[in-house]
Amino acid sequence: RRSVQTAKGIYSLLDVLTILSSNKF
C-alpha cells in the first residue's frame, strides 16, 4: 500500500512500519 494518497494513510503506513522495525518482540 505504498501508493497511498491521503495524509492519514501515509501516517498509518509509516507508523506501523516503524513499529514493526523497532519492536522488541
mmCIF file of all heavy atoms, coordinates in Angstrom:
data_MODEL
# 
_entry.id   MODEL 
# 
loop_
_atom_site.group_PDB 
_atom_site.id 
_atom_site.type_symbol 
_atom_site.label_atom_id 
_atom_site.label_alt_id 
_atom_site.label_comp_id 
_atom_site.label_asym_id 
_atom_site.label_entity_id 
_atom_site.label_seq_id 
_atom_site.pdbx_PDB_ins_code 
_atom_site.Cartn_x 
_atom_site.Cartn_y 
_atom_site.Cartn_z 
_atom_site.occupancy 
_atom_site.B_iso_or_equiv 
_atom_site.pdbx_formal_charge 
_atom_site.auth_seq_id 
_atom_site.auth_comp_id 
_atom_site.auth_asym_id 
_atom_site.auth_atom_id 
_atom_site.pdbx_PDB_model_num 
ATOM 1   N N   . ARG A 1 1  ? 0.816  -1.202  0.000  1.00 0.00 ? 1  ARG A N   1 
ATOM 2   C CA  . ARG A 1 1  ? 0.000  0.000   0.000  1.00 0.00 ? 1  ARG A CA  1 
ATOM 3   C C   . ARG A 1 1  ? 0.858  1.265   0.000  1.00 0.00 ? 1  ARG A C   1 
ATOM 4   O O   . ARG A 1 1  ? 0.439  2.316   0.496  1.00 0.00 ? 1  ARG A O   1 
ATOM 5   C CB  . ARG A 1 1  ? -0.921 0.003   1.226  1.00 0.00 ? 1  ARG A CB  1 
ATOM 6   C CG  . ARG A 1 1  ? -1.928 -1.136  1.268  1.00 0.00 ? 1  ARG A CG  1 
ATOM 7   C CD  . ARG A 1 1  ? -2.851 -1.138  0.067  1.00 0.00 ? 1  ARG A CD  1 
ATOM 8   N NE  . ARG A 1 1  ? -3.492 0.149   -0.107 1.00 0.00 ? 1  ARG A NE  1 
ATOM 9   C CZ  . ARG A 1 1  ? -4.607 0.513   0.526  1.00 0.00 ? 1  ARG A CZ  1 
ATOM 10  N NH1 . ARG A 1 1  ? -5.213 -0.336  1.327  1.00 0.00 ? 1  ARG A NH1 1 
ATOM 11  N NH2 . ARG A 1 1  ? -5.123 1.705   0.341  1.00 0.00 ? 1  ARG A NH2 1 
ATOM 12  N N   . ARG A 1 2  ? 2.035  1.174   -0.575 1.00 0.00 ? 2  ARG A N   1 
ATOM 13  C CA  . ARG A 1 2  ? 2.937  2.337   -0.601 1.00 0.00 ? 2  ARG A CA  1 
ATOM 14  C C   . ARG A 1 2  ? 2.447  3.444   -1.506 1.00 0.00 ? 2  ARG A C   1 
ATOM 15  O O   . ARG A 1 2  ? 2.968  4.552   -1.460 1.00 0.00 ? 2  ARG A O   1 
ATOM 16  C CB  . ARG A 1 2  ? 4.333  1.897   -1.048 1.00 0.00 ? 2  ARG A CB  1 
ATOM 17  C CG  . ARG A 1 2  ? 5.088  1.106   -0.008 1.00 0.00 ? 2  ARG A CG  1 
ATOM 18  C CD  . ARG A 1 2  ? 6.359  0.515   -0.550 1.00 0.00 ? 2  ARG A CD  1 
ATOM 19  N NE  . ARG A 1 2  ? 6.090  -0.531  -1.514 1.00 0.00 ? 2  ARG A NE  1 
ATOM 20  C CZ  . ARG A 1 2  ? 7.028  -1.306  -2.049 1.00 0.00 ? 2  ARG A CZ  1 
ATOM 21  N NH1 . ARG A 1 2  ? 8.293  -1.126  -1.715 1.00 0.00 ? 2  ARG A NH1 1 
ATOM 22  N NH2 . ARG A 1 2  ? 6.720  -2.246  -2.916 1.00 0.00 ? 2  ARG A NH2 1 
ATOM 23  N N   . SER A 1 3  ? 1.434  3.177   -2.318 1.00 0.00 ? 3  SER A N   1 
ATOM 24  C CA  . SER A 1 3  ? 0.903  4.203   -3.214 1.00 0.00 ? 3  SER A CA  1 
ATOM 25  C C   . SER A 1 3  ? -0.238 4.990   -2.582 1.00 0.00 ? 3  SER A C   1 
ATOM 26  O O   . SER A 1 3  ? -0.997 5.641   -3.287 1.00 0.00 ? 3  SER A O   1 
ATOM 27  C CB  . SER A 1 3  ? 0.414  3.552   -4.512 1.00 0.00 ? 3  SER A CB  1 
ATOM 28  O OG  . SER A 1 3  ? -0.592 2.586   -4.232 1.00 0.00 ? 3  SER A OG  1 
ATOM 29  N N   . VAL A 1 4  ? -0.382 4.922   -1.269 1.00 0.00 ? 4  VAL A N   1 
ATOM 30  C CA  . VAL A 1 4  ? -1.469 5.626   -0.568 1.00 0.00 ? 4  VAL A CA  1 
ATOM 31  C C   . VAL A 1 4  ? -1.402 7.124   -0.869 1.00 0.00 ? 4  VAL A C   1 
ATOM 32  O O   . VAL A 1 4  ? -0.320 7.692   -1.037 1.00 0.00 ? 4  VAL A O   1 
ATOM 33  C CB  . VAL A 1 4  ? -1.388 5.335   0.945  1.00 0.00 ? 4  VAL A CB  1 
ATOM 34  C CG1 . VAL A 1 4  ? -0.090 5.862   1.530  1.00 0.00 ? 4  VAL A CG1 1 
ATOM 35  C CG2 . VAL A 1 4  ? -2.575 5.908   1.675  1.00 0.00 ? 4  VAL A CG2 1 
ATOM 36  N N   . GLN A 1 5  ? -2.585 7.775   -0.922 1.00 0.00 ? 5  GLN A N   1 
ATOM 37  C CA  . GLN A 1 5  ? -2.646 9.159   -1.395 1.00 0.00 ? 5  GLN A CA  1 
ATOM 38  C C   . GLN A 1 5  ? -3.235 10.136  -0.370 1.00 0.00 ? 5  GLN A C   1 
ATOM 39  O O   . GLN A 1 5  ? -3.509 11.273  -0.725 1.00 0.00 ? 5  GLN A O   1 
ATOM 40  C CB  . GLN A 1 5  ? -3.503 9.228   -2.669 1.00 0.00 ? 5  GLN A CB  1 
ATOM 41  C CG  . GLN A 1 5  ? -2.934 8.446   -3.840 1.00 0.00 ? 5  GLN A CG  1 
ATOM 42  C CD  . GLN A 1 5  ? -1.644 9.040   -4.370 1.00 0.00 ? 5  GLN A CD  1 
ATOM 43  O OE1 . GLN A 1 5  ? -1.517 10.263  -4.495 1.00 0.00 ? 5  GLN A OE1 1 
ATOM 44  N NE2 . GLN A 1 5  ? -0.673 8.196   -4.664 1.00 0.00 ? 5  GLN A NE2 1 
ATOM 45  N N   . THR A 1 6  ? -3.447 9.727   0.872  1.00 0.00 ? 6  THR A N   1 
ATOM 46  C CA  . THR A 1 6  ? -4.018 10.622  1.884  1.00 0.00 ? 6  THR A CA  1 
ATOM 47  C C   . THR A 1 6  ? -3.043 10.791  3.038  1.00 0.00 ? 6  THR A C   1 
ATOM 48  O O   . THR A 1 6  ? -2.192 9.925   3.290  1.00 0.00 ? 6  THR A O   1 
ATOM 49  C CB  . THR A 1 6  ? -5.346 10.058  2.419  1.00 0.00 ? 6  THR A CB  1 
ATOM 50  O OG1 . THR A 1 6  ? -5.106 8.803   3.084  1.00 0.00 ? 6  THR A OG1 1 
ATOM 51  C CG2 . THR A 1 6  ? -6.343 9.853   1.289  1.00 0.00 ? 6  THR A CG2 1 
ATOM 52  N N   . ALA A 1 7  ? -3.195 11.909  3.764  1.00 0.00 ? 7  ALA A N   1 
ATOM 53  C CA  . ALA A 1 7  ? -2.316 12.181  4.901  1.00 0.00 ? 7  ALA A CA  1 
ATOM 54  C C   . ALA A 1 7  ? -2.491 11.125  5.984  1.00 0.00 ? 7  ALA A C   1 
ATOM 55  O O   . ALA A 1 7  ? -1.512 10.643  6.569  1.00 0.00 ? 7  ALA A O   1 
ATOM 56  C CB  . ALA A 1 7  ? -2.612 13.578  5.448  1.00 0.00 ? 7  ALA A CB  1 
ATOM 57  N N   . LYS A 1 8  ? -3.740 10.740  6.255  1.00 0.00 ? 8  LYS A N   1 
ATOM 58  C CA  . LYS A 1 8  ? -3.974 9.718   7.277  1.00 0.00 ? 8  LYS A CA  1 
ATOM 59  C C   . LYS A 1 8  ? -3.373 8.380   6.852  1.00 0.00 ? 8  LYS A C   1 
ATOM 60  O O   . LYS A 1 8  ? -2.776 7.667   7.676  1.00 0.00 ? 8  LYS A O   1 
ATOM 61  C CB  . LYS A 1 8  ? -5.473 9.568   7.529  1.00 0.00 ? 8  LYS A CB  1 
ATOM 62  C CG  . LYS A 1 8  ? -5.804 8.553   8.608  1.00 0.00 ? 8  LYS A CG  1 
ATOM 63  C CD  . LYS A 1 8  ? -7.305 8.426   8.840  1.00 0.00 ? 8  LYS A CD  1 
ATOM 64  C CE  . LYS A 1 8  ? -7.601 7.395   9.924  1.00 0.00 ? 8  LYS A CE  1 
ATOM 65  N NZ  . LYS A 1 8  ? -9.054 7.226   10.164 1.00 0.00 ? 8  LYS A NZ  1 
ATOM 66  N N   . GLY A 1 9  ? -3.537 8.013   5.578  1.00 0.00 ? 9  GLY A N   1 
ATOM 67  C CA  . GLY A 1 9  ? -2.980 6.761   5.099  1.00 0.00 ? 9  GLY A CA  1 
ATOM 68  C C   . GLY A 1 9  ? -1.460 6.742   5.189  1.00 0.00 ? 9  GLY A C   1 
ATOM 69  O O   . GLY A 1 9  ? -0.874 5.726   5.556  1.00 0.00 ? 9  GLY A O   1 
ATOM 70  N N   . ILE A 1 10 ? -0.828 7.858   4.864  1.00 0.00 ? 10 ILE A N   1 
ATOM 71  C CA  . ILE A 1 10 ? 0.640  7.930   4.951  1.00 0.00 ? 10 ILE A CA  1 
ATOM 72  C C   . ILE A 1 10 ? 1.097  7.777   6.388  1.00 0.00 ? 10 ILE A C   1 
ATOM 73  O O   . ILE A 1 10 ? 2.051  7.051   6.688  1.00 0.00 ? 10 ILE A O   1 
ATOM 74  C CB  . ILE A 1 10 ? 1.136  9.253   4.342  1.00 0.00 ? 10 ILE A CB  1 
ATOM 75  C CG1 . ILE A 1 10 ? 0.900  9.246   2.820  1.00 0.00 ? 10 ILE A CG1 1 
ATOM 76  C CG2 . ILE A 1 10 ? 2.605  9.488   4.656  1.00 0.00 ? 10 ILE A CG2 1 
ATOM 77  C CD1 . ILE A 1 10 ? 1.207  10.564  2.158  1.00 0.00 ? 10 ILE A CD1 1 
ATOM 78  N N   . TYR A 1 11 ? 0.422  8.467   7.316  1.00 0.00 ? 11 TYR A N   1 
ATOM 79  C CA  . TYR A 1 11 ? 0.793  8.329   8.730  1.00 0.00 ? 11 TYR A CA  1 
ATOM 80  C C   . TYR A 1 11 ? 0.594  6.891   9.200  1.00 0.00 ? 11 TYR A C   1 
ATOM 81  O O   . TYR A 1 11 ? 1.471  6.328   9.885  1.00 0.00 ? 11 TYR A O   1 
ATOM 82  C CB  . TYR A 1 11 ? -0.031 9.283   9.599  1.00 0.00 ? 11 TYR A CB  1 
ATOM 83  C CG  . TYR A 1 11 ? 0.015  8.896   11.058 1.00 0.00 ? 11 TYR A CG  1 
ATOM 84  C CD1 . TYR A 1 11 ? 1.183  9.045   11.798 1.00 0.00 ? 11 TYR A CD1 1 
ATOM 85  C CD2 . TYR A 1 11 ? -1.097 8.333   11.687 1.00 0.00 ? 11 TYR A CD2 1 
ATOM 86  C CE1 . TYR A 1 11 ? 1.245  8.657   13.126 1.00 0.00 ? 11 TYR A CE1 1 
ATOM 87  C CE2 . TYR A 1 11 ? -1.048 7.948   13.012 1.00 0.00 ? 11 TYR A CE2 1 
ATOM 88  C CZ  . TYR A 1 11 ? 0.125  8.104   13.722 1.00 0.00 ? 11 TYR A CZ  1 
ATOM 89  O OH  . TYR A 1 11 ? 0.181  7.713   15.039 1.00 0.00 ? 11 TYR A OH  1 
ATOM 90  N N   . SER A 1 12 ? -0.545 6.282   8.866  1.00 0.00 ? 12 SER A N   1 
ATOM 91  C CA  . SER A 1 12 ? -0.805 4.905   9.291  1.00 0.00 ? 12 SER A CA  1 
ATOM 92  C C   . SER A 1 12 ? 0.268  3.964   8.763  1.00 0.00 ? 12 SER A C   1 
ATOM 93  O O   . SER A 1 12 ? 0.772  3.094   9.491  1.00 0.00 ? 12 SER A O   1 
ATOM 94  C CB  . SER A 1 12 ? -2.181 4.454   8.799  1.00 0.00 ? 12 SER A CB  1 
ATOM 95  O OG  . SER A 1 12 ? -3.210 5.267   9.331  1.00 0.00 ? 12 SER A OG  1 
ATOM 96  N N   . LEU A 1 13 ? 0.660  4.139   7.502  1.00 0.00 ? 13 LEU A N   1 
ATOM 97  C CA  . LEU A 1 13 ? 1.679  3.284   6.902  1.00 0.00 ? 13 LEU A CA  1 
ATOM 98  C C   . LEU A 1 13 ? 3.034  3.458   7.587  1.00 0.00 ? 13 LEU A C   1 
ATOM 99  O O   . LEU A 1 13 ? 3.677  2.481   7.987  1.00 0.00 ? 13 LEU A O   1 
ATOM 100 C CB  . LEU A 1 13 ? 1.793  3.603   5.407  1.00 0.00 ? 13 LEU A CB  1 
ATOM 101 C CG  . LEU A 1 13 ? 2.902  2.883   4.638  1.00 0.00 ? 13 LEU A CG  1 
ATOM 102 C CD1 . LEU A 1 13 ? 2.613  1.394   4.566  1.00 0.00 ? 13 LEU A CD1 1 
ATOM 103 C CD2 . LEU A 1 13 ? 3.046  3.456   3.232  1.00 0.00 ? 13 LEU A CD2 1 
ATOM 104 N N   . LEU A 1 14 ? 3.477  4.710   7.738  1.00 0.00 ? 14 LEU A N   1 
ATOM 105 C CA  . LEU A 1 14 ? 4.787  4.964   8.338  1.00 0.00 ? 14 LEU A CA  1 
ATOM 106 C C   . LEU A 1 14 ? 4.825  4.547   9.805  1.00 0.00 ? 14 LEU A C   1 
ATOM 107 O O   . LEU A 1 14 ? 5.831  4.008   10.286 1.00 0.00 ? 14 LEU A O   1 
ATOM 108 C CB  . LEU A 1 14 ? 5.138  6.448   8.201  1.00 0.00 ? 14 LEU A CB  1 
ATOM 109 C CG  . LEU A 1 14 ? 5.353  6.961   6.769  1.00 0.00 ? 14 LEU A CG  1 
ATOM 110 C CD1 . LEU A 1 14 ? 5.530  8.467   6.774  1.00 0.00 ? 14 LEU A CD1 1 
ATOM 111 C CD2 . LEU A 1 14 ? 6.561  6.288   6.137  1.00 0.00 ? 14 LEU A CD2 1 
ATOM 112 N N   . ASP A 1 15 ? 3.724  4.794   10.522 1.00 0.00 ? 15 ASP A N   1 
ATOM 113 C CA  . ASP A 1 15 ? 3.687  4.457   11.942 1.00 0.00 ? 15 ASP A CA  1 
ATOM 114 C C   . ASP A 1 15 ? 3.795  2.952   12.145 1.00 0.00 ? 15 ASP A C   1 
ATOM 115 O O   . ASP A 1 15 ? 4.603  2.486   12.965 1.00 0.00 ? 15 ASP A O   1 
ATOM 116 C CB  . ASP A 1 15 ? 2.393  4.997   12.560 1.00 0.00 ? 15 ASP A CB  1 
ATOM 117 C CG  . ASP A 1 15 ? 2.267  4.641   14.031 1.00 0.00 ? 15 ASP A CG  1 
ATOM 118 O OD1 . ASP A 1 15 ? 3.160  5.026   14.807 1.00 0.00 ? 15 ASP A OD1 1 
ATOM 119 O OD2 . ASP A 1 15 ? 1.272  3.981   14.403 1.00 0.00 ? 15 ASP A OD2 1 
ATOM 120 N N   . VAL A 1 16 ? 3.015  2.171   11.424 1.00 0.00 ? 16 VAL A N   1 
ATOM 121 C CA  . VAL A 1 16 ? 3.031  0.728   11.654 1.00 0.00 ? 16 VAL A CA  1 
ATOM 122 C C   . VAL A 1 16 ? 4.343  0.111   11.165 1.00 0.00 ? 16 VAL A C   1 
ATOM 123 O O   . VAL A 1 16 ? 4.866  -0.818  11.797 1.00 0.00 ? 16 VAL A O   1 
ATOM 124 C CB  . VAL A 1 16 ? 1.803  0.076   10.991 1.00 0.00 ? 16 VAL A CB  1 
ATOM 125 C CG1 . VAL A 1 16 ? 1.926  0.045   9.472  1.00 0.00 ? 16 VAL A CG1 1 
ATOM 126 C CG2 . VAL A 1 16 ? 1.567  -1.323  11.534 1.00 0.00 ? 16 VAL A CG2 1 
ATOM 127 N N   . LEU A 1 17 ? 4.918  0.614   10.050 1.00 0.00 ? 17 LEU A N   1 
ATOM 128 C CA  . LEU A 1 17 ? 6.211  0.084   9.598  1.00 0.00 ? 17 LEU A CA  1 
ATOM 129 C C   . LEU A 1 17 ? 7.323  0.424   10.587 1.00 0.00 ? 17 LEU A C   1 
ATOM 130 O O   . LEU A 1 17 ? 8.239  -0.390  10.806 1.00 0.00 ? 17 LEU A O   1 
ATOM 131 C CB  . LEU A 1 17 ? 6.546  0.633   8.211  1.00 0.00 ? 17 LEU A CB  1 
ATOM 132 C CG  . LEU A 1 17 ? 5.694  0.122   7.045  1.00 0.00 ? 17 LEU A CG  1 
ATOM 133 C CD1 . LEU A 1 17 ? 6.155  0.740   5.738  1.00 0.00 ? 17 LEU A CD1 1 
ATOM 134 C CD2 . LEU A 1 17 ? 5.740  -1.402  6.958  1.00 0.00 ? 17 LEU A CD2 1 
ATOM 135 N N   . THR A 1 18 ? 7.248  1.598   11.190 1.00 0.00 ? 18 THR A N   1 
ATOM 136 C CA  . THR A 1 18 ? 8.231  1.963   12.216 1.00 0.00 ? 18 THR A CA  1 
ATOM 137 C C   . THR A 1 18 ? 8.125  1.035   13.414 1.00 0.00 ? 18 THR A C   1 
ATOM 138 O O   . THR A 1 18 ? 9.143  0.590   13.982 1.00 0.00 ? 18 THR A O   1 
ATOM 139 C CB  . THR A 1 18 ? 8.024  3.424   12.647 1.00 0.00 ? 18 THR A CB  1 
ATOM 140 O OG1 . THR A 1 18 ? 8.163  4.276   11.512 1.00 0.00 ? 18 THR A OG1 1 
ATOM 141 C CG2 . THR A 1 18 ? 9.041  3.826   13.702 1.00 0.00 ? 18 THR A CG2 1 
ATOM 142 N N   . ILE A 1 19 ? 6.900  0.713   13.827 1.00 0.00 ? 19 ILE A N   1 
ATOM 143 C CA  . ILE A 1 19 ? 6.705  -0.199  14.960 1.00 0.00 ? 19 ILE A CA  1 
ATOM 144 C C   . ILE A 1 19 ? 7.203  -1.594  14.622 1.00 0.00 ? 19 ILE A C   1 
ATOM 145 O O   . ILE A 1 19 ? 7.880  -2.246  15.430 1.00 0.00 ? 19 ILE A O   1 
ATOM 146 C CB  . ILE A 1 19 ? 5.209  -0.228  15.358 1.00 0.00 ? 19 ILE A CB  1 
ATOM 147 C CG1 . ILE A 1 19 ? 4.802  1.116   15.960 1.00 0.00 ? 19 ILE A CG1 1 
ATOM 148 C CG2 . ILE A 1 19 ? 4.920  -1.354  16.339 1.00 0.00 ? 19 ILE A CG2 1 
ATOM 149 C CD1 . ILE A 1 19 ? 3.319  1.255   16.213 1.00 0.00 ? 19 ILE A CD1 1 
ATOM 150 N N   . LEU A 1 20 ? 6.914  -2.071  13.411 1.00 0.00 ? 20 LEU A N   1 
ATOM 151 C CA  . LEU A 1 20 ? 7.363  -3.408  13.027 1.00 0.00 ? 20 LEU A CA  1 
ATOM 152 C C   . LEU A 1 20 ? 8.884  -3.506  12.950 1.00 0.00 ? 20 LEU A C   1 
ATOM 153 O O   . LEU A 1 20 ? 9.442  -4.585  13.156 1.00 0.00 ? 20 LEU A O   1 
ATOM 154 C CB  . LEU A 1 20 ? 6.758  -3.789  11.671 1.00 0.00 ? 20 LEU A CB  1 
ATOM 155 C CG  . LEU A 1 20 ? 5.249  -4.082  11.647 1.00 0.00 ? 20 LEU A CG  1 
ATOM 156 C CD1 . LEU A 1 20 ? 4.788  -4.376  10.230 1.00 0.00 ? 20 LEU A CD1 1 
ATOM 157 C CD2 . LEU A 1 20 ? 4.900  -5.234  12.572 1.00 0.00 ? 20 LEU A CD2 1 
ATOM 158 N N   . SER A 1 21 ? 9.554  -2.419  12.656 1.00 0.00 ? 21 SER A N   1 
ATOM 159 C CA  . SER A 1 21 ? 11.017 -2.464  12.520 1.00 0.00 ? 21 SER A CA  1 
ATOM 160 C C   . SER A 1 21 ? 11.745 -2.151  13.817 1.00 0.00 ? 21 SER A C   1 
ATOM 161 O O   . SER A 1 21 ? 12.974 -2.290  13.874 1.00 0.00 ? 21 SER A O   1 
ATOM 162 C CB  . SER A 1 21 ? 11.469 -1.486  11.437 1.00 0.00 ? 21 SER A CB  1 
ATOM 163 O OG  . SER A 1 21 ? 11.157 -0.154  11.802 1.00 0.00 ? 21 SER A OG  1 
ATOM 164 N N   . SER A 1 22 ? 11.019 -1.717  14.861 1.00 0.00 ? 22 SER A N   1 
ATOM 165 C CA  . SER A 1 22 ? 11.703 -1.307  16.092 1.00 0.00 ? 22 SER A CA  1 
ATOM 166 C C   . SER A 1 22 ? 11.191 -2.006  17.341 1.00 0.00 ? 22 SER A C   1 
ATOM 167 O O   . SER A 1 22 ? 11.718 -1.778  18.423 1.00 0.00 ? 22 SER A O   1 
ATOM 168 C CB  . SER A 1 22 ? 11.560 0.210   16.276 1.00 0.00 ? 22 SER A CB  1 
ATOM 169 O OG  . SER A 1 22 ? 10.188 0.585   16.378 1.00 0.00 ? 22 SER A OG  1 
ATOM 170 N N   . ASN A 1 23 ? 10.151 -2.848  17.228 1.00 0.00 ? 23 ASN A N   1 
ATOM 171 C CA  . ASN A 1 23 ? 9.642  -3.510  18.438 1.00 0.00 ? 23 ASN A CA  1 
ATOM 172 C C   . ASN A 1 23 ? 10.624 -4.579  18.904 1.00 0.00 ? 23 ASN A C   1 
ATOM 173 O O   . ASN A 1 23 ? 11.474 -5.041  18.132 1.00 0.00 ? 23 ASN A O   1 
ATOM 174 C CB  . ASN A 1 23 ? 8.254  -4.096  18.172 1.00 0.00 ? 23 ASN A CB  1 
ATOM 175 C CG  . ASN A 1 23 ? 8.314  -5.352  17.323 1.00 0.00 ? 23 ASN A CG  1 
ATOM 176 O OD1 . ASN A 1 23 ? 8.438  -6.456  17.836 1.00 0.00 ? 23 ASN A OD1 1 
ATOM 177 N ND2 . ASN A 1 23 ? 8.248  -5.178  16.000 1.00 0.00 ? 23 ASN A ND2 1 
ATOM 178 N N   . LYS A 1 24 ? 10.475 -5.011  20.134 1.00 0.00 ? 24 LYS A N   1 
ATOM 179 C CA  . LYS A 1 24 ? 11.429 -5.959  20.726 1.00 0.00 ? 24 LYS A CA  1 
ATOM 180 C C   . LYS A 1 24 ? 10.918 -7.397  20.724 1.00 0.00 ? 24 LYS A C   1 
ATOM 181 O O   . LYS A 1 24 ? 11.517 -8.261  21.390 1.00 0.00 ? 24 LYS A O   1 
ATOM 182 C CB  . LYS A 1 24 ? 11.760 -5.542  22.156 1.00 0.00 ? 24 LYS A CB  1 
ATOM 183 C CG  . LYS A 1 24 ? 10.564 -5.503  23.093 1.00 0.00 ? 24 LYS A CG  1 
ATOM 184 C CD  . LYS A 1 24 ? 10.987 -5.064  24.487 1.00 0.00 ? 24 LYS A CD  1 
ATOM 185 C CE  . LYS A 1 24 ? 9.800  -5.023  25.448 1.00 0.00 ? 24 LYS A CE  1 
ATOM 186 N NZ  . LYS A 1 24 ? 10.205 -4.585  26.809 1.00 0.00 ? 24 LYS A NZ  1 
ATOM 187 N N   . PHE A 1 25 ? 9.845  -7.652  19.994 1.00 0.00 ? 25 PHE A N   1 
ATOM 188 C CA  . PHE A 1 25 ? 9.272  -8.998  20.016 1.00 0.00 ? 25 PHE A CA  1 
ATOM 189 C C   . PHE A 1 25 ? 9.458  -9.738  18.696 1.00 0.00 ? 25 PHE A C   1 
ATOM 190 O O   . PHE A 1 25 ? 9.962  -10.852 18.672 1.00 0.00 ? 25 PHE A O   1 
ATOM 191 C CB  . PHE A 1 25 ? 7.777  -8.912  20.361 1.00 0.00 ? 25 PHE A CB  1 
ATOM 192 C CG  . PHE A 1 25 ? 7.485  -8.207  21.644 1.00 0.00 ? 25 PHE A CG  1 
ATOM 193 C CD1 . PHE A 1 25 ? 6.882  -6.958  21.644 1.00 0.00 ? 25 PHE A CD1 1 
ATOM 194 C CD2 . PHE A 1 25 ? 7.831  -8.778  22.862 1.00 0.00 ? 25 PHE A CD2 1 
ATOM 195 C CE1 . PHE A 1 25 ? 6.614  -6.303  22.830 1.00 0.00 ? 25 PHE A CE1 1 
ATOM 196 C CE2 . PHE A 1 25 ? 7.558  -8.127  24.045 1.00 0.00 ? 25 PHE A CE2 1 
ATOM 197 C CZ  . PHE A 1 25 ? 6.954  -6.877  24.035 1.00 0.00 ? 25 PHE A CZ  1 
# 
